[in-house]
Protein backbone atom coordinates (compact mmCIF):
# COMPACT_ATOMS: atom_id res chain seq x y z
CA MET A 1 107.30 71.99 22.75
CA VAL A 2 104.28 71.09 20.61
CA LYS A 3 103.68 67.98 22.75
CA ILE A 4 103.73 70.08 25.91
CA ILE A 5 101.24 72.58 24.48
CA LEU A 6 98.96 69.79 23.23
CA SER A 7 99.08 67.97 26.57
CA LEU A 8 98.19 71.20 28.42
CA PHE A 9 95.35 71.80 25.94
CA PHE A 10 93.84 68.42 26.80
CA LEU A 11 94.73 68.49 30.50
CA TYR A 12 93.21 71.91 31.28
CA PRO A 13 89.56 70.83 30.77
CA CYS A 14 90.18 67.87 33.11
CA ILE A 15 91.52 70.17 35.84
CA VAL A 16 88.65 72.62 35.42
CA LEU A 17 86.04 69.86 35.49
CA ALA A 18 87.58 68.11 38.51
CA ASP A 19 85.27 70.03 40.86
CA CYS A 20 82.19 69.53 38.65
CA ASN A 21 79.41 67.02 38.73
CA LEU A 22 80.14 64.55 35.92
CA GLU A 23 76.56 64.76 34.65
CA ALA A 24 76.84 68.52 34.10
CA ASN A 25 77.68 70.17 30.81
CA MET A 26 79.02 73.32 32.46
CA CYS A 27 79.89 74.38 35.94
CA PHE A 28 81.23 77.57 37.43
CA GLN A 29 82.62 78.52 40.84
CA THR A 30 80.52 81.32 42.31
CA LYS A 31 80.81 83.25 45.56
CA MET A 32 77.95 81.04 46.87
CA GLY A 33 79.16 77.66 45.58
CA MET A 34 79.12 75.59 42.40
CA LEU A 35 76.70 76.65 39.65
CA ILE A 36 75.89 73.76 37.33
CA GLN A 37 73.95 73.84 34.07
CA LYS A 38 72.10 70.76 32.87
CA THR A 39 71.05 71.08 29.26
CA ARG A 40 67.68 69.85 27.99
CA VAL A 41 69.27 66.69 26.63
CA VAL A 42 71.07 65.85 29.89
CA ALA A 43 68.03 66.70 32.02
CA GLY A 44 65.67 64.76 29.74
CA ASP A 45 62.61 66.85 30.61
CA ASN A 46 62.51 69.59 27.89
CA TYR A 47 64.11 72.12 30.26
CA SER A 48 67.62 73.40 30.85
CA HIS A 49 68.34 73.79 34.55
CA LEU A 50 70.65 75.93 36.67
CA ILE A 51 71.61 74.27 39.91
CA LEU A 52 73.45 75.97 42.77
CA ASN A 53 74.84 73.66 45.47
CA ASP A 54 72.42 70.85 44.50
CA SER A 55 69.35 73.14 44.53
CA GLU A 56 67.63 74.24 41.34
CA ILE A 57 67.50 78.05 41.06
CA PHE A 58 66.26 78.44 37.46
CA LYS A 59 64.83 76.44 34.60
CA ALA A 60 63.72 77.33 31.10
CA ARG A 61 62.31 75.53 28.07
CA THR A 62 65.47 75.77 25.99
CA ASP A 63 68.16 73.50 24.67
CA TYR A 64 70.96 75.24 26.57
CA ILE A 65 71.90 78.44 28.38
CA THR A 66 74.92 80.61 27.54
CA PHE A 67 76.77 82.80 30.01
CA GLU A 68 78.47 86.19 29.62
CA PHE A 69 81.38 86.41 32.05
CA ASN A 70 83.23 89.67 32.23
CA ASP A 71 85.32 90.86 35.15
CA SER A 72 82.58 90.54 37.77
CA GLY A 73 84.28 88.19 40.15
CA VAL A 74 86.80 87.89 42.92
CA PHE A 75 89.93 85.83 43.51
CA MET A 76 90.03 83.95 46.79
CA ASN A 77 92.40 81.15 47.73
CA GLY A 78 93.84 81.10 44.21
CA LYS A 79 90.46 80.56 42.51
CA HIS A 80 88.19 82.95 40.63
CA TYR A 81 84.64 83.12 41.98
CA ILE A 82 81.82 84.65 39.94
CA ILE A 83 79.75 87.37 41.61
CA LYS A 84 77.49 88.44 38.73
CA THR A 85 76.77 87.16 35.26
CA VAL A 86 74.22 87.48 32.51
CA PHE A 87 72.90 84.30 30.97
CA SER A 88 70.92 84.08 27.75
CA PHE A 89 68.84 81.46 26.04
CA ILE A 90 66.50 81.07 23.10
CA SER A 91 63.21 79.78 24.37
CA ASN A 92 61.72 76.70 22.72
CA ILE A 93 58.35 78.42 23.12
CA PRO A 94 57.57 80.84 20.27
CA CYS A 95 57.18 84.47 21.22
CA SER A 96 56.06 87.74 19.73
CA PHE A 97 58.32 90.75 20.18
CA ASN A 98 58.15 94.10 18.33
CA GLY A 99 56.10 92.54 15.55
CA TYR A 100 58.47 89.60 15.19
CA TYR A 101 57.04 86.14 15.78
CA GLY A 102 59.48 83.33 16.30
CA PHE A 103 61.94 82.15 18.90
CA CYS A 104 63.26 85.13 20.87
CA SER A 105 66.40 85.43 22.89
CA LYS A 106 65.95 86.15 26.59
CA SER A 107 68.63 87.34 29.00
CA VAL A 108 68.65 87.24 32.81
CA VAL A 109 71.10 88.63 35.39
CA LEU A 110 72.31 86.20 38.04
CA ASP A 111 73.70 88.02 41.08
CA PHE A 112 75.68 86.31 43.88
CA SER A 113 76.79 89.51 45.62
CA GLY A 114 74.45 89.24 48.61
CA THR A 115 73.57 86.41 50.94
CA GLU A 116 71.07 84.76 48.53
CA PRO A 117 71.24 84.54 44.72
CA LYS A 118 69.15 87.12 42.88
CA ILE A 119 67.66 86.20 39.53
CA SER A 120 66.39 89.21 37.60
CA ASN A 121 63.44 89.51 35.32
CA SER A 122 64.15 88.43 31.73
CA PHE A 123 64.84 91.04 29.07
CA THR A 124 65.06 90.98 25.29
CA PRO A 125 67.07 93.29 22.99
CA ASP A 126 65.24 95.49 20.47
CA SER A 127 66.00 93.22 17.53
CA GLY A 128 64.84 90.13 19.41
CA ASN A 129 67.99 88.10 18.90
CA SER A 130 70.99 90.43 19.28
CA VAL A 131 73.94 89.34 21.42
CA ILE A 132 75.57 91.20 24.30
CA ASP A 133 78.28 93.61 23.14
CA TRP A 134 79.57 94.70 26.56
CA ILE A 135 78.63 94.99 30.23
CA SER A 136 79.78 97.65 32.70
CA TRP A 137 79.55 96.13 36.18
CA GLY A 138 79.44 98.65 38.98
CA LYS A 139 79.02 98.13 42.71
CA LYS A 140 75.50 99.54 42.71
CA ASN A 141 74.29 98.70 39.20
CA ALA A 142 75.29 97.42 35.75
CA ILE A 143 74.73 98.63 32.21
CA ILE A 144 74.22 95.91 29.60
CA VAL A 145 74.55 96.86 25.93
CA PHE A 146 73.63 94.62 22.98
CA GLU A 147 75.13 94.78 19.48
CA ASP A 148 71.86 96.22 18.13
CA GLY A 149 72.27 99.23 20.51
CA SER A 150 69.67 98.07 23.07
CA ARG A 151 70.69 99.21 26.57
CA PHE A 152 69.55 97.90 29.92
CA LYS A 153 70.25 98.75 33.54
CA TYR A 154 70.48 96.13 36.27
CA GLU A 155 70.07 97.18 39.90
CA ASN A 156 69.14 95.16 42.98
CA GLY A 157 67.57 92.20 41.20
CA ARG A 158 65.68 94.18 38.53
CA VAL A 159 66.49 94.98 34.88
CA GLU A 160 64.92 97.89 33.04
CA ARG A 161 65.31 99.10 29.45
CA LEU A 162 67.11 102.41 29.07
CA LYS A 163 65.68 104.93 26.61
CA LYS A 164 67.87 105.95 23.68
CA ASP A 165 68.79 109.26 25.34
CA GLN A 166 69.90 107.72 28.69
């Protein structure tokens, strides 16, 4: 039994990566095709890149990009396809935010629900480096809440900060 579990543990990543470009660190099936991340080290140009179907759709001066996948996807032909996600990164370029000077976290919504991918404006939680606590994906908009209590609303390609009373 232990051998079966261990073999599945090692086999699963091979099955998942079978559809991926071997040079990629991460790849995800989206409604519009394969989304691949190339980290700064793999890319070799001081940027991490997001590539959709062999076309670059985003790049940032960061070591790597992390993704927050909740239930925003669909199942088709036995596979799960991502429709919306939030990705975050810590820029390698120092920033100043709310009196804090250092390396701030930035988050961006990536939306595959239409005919073209939408990449939102970047947004930063109140504390500068908090992580996402939860996301409520709706058909029209989404609410993104960070552990520090910062709240944002995504709608139609744009993210805005919600006031404390909203």
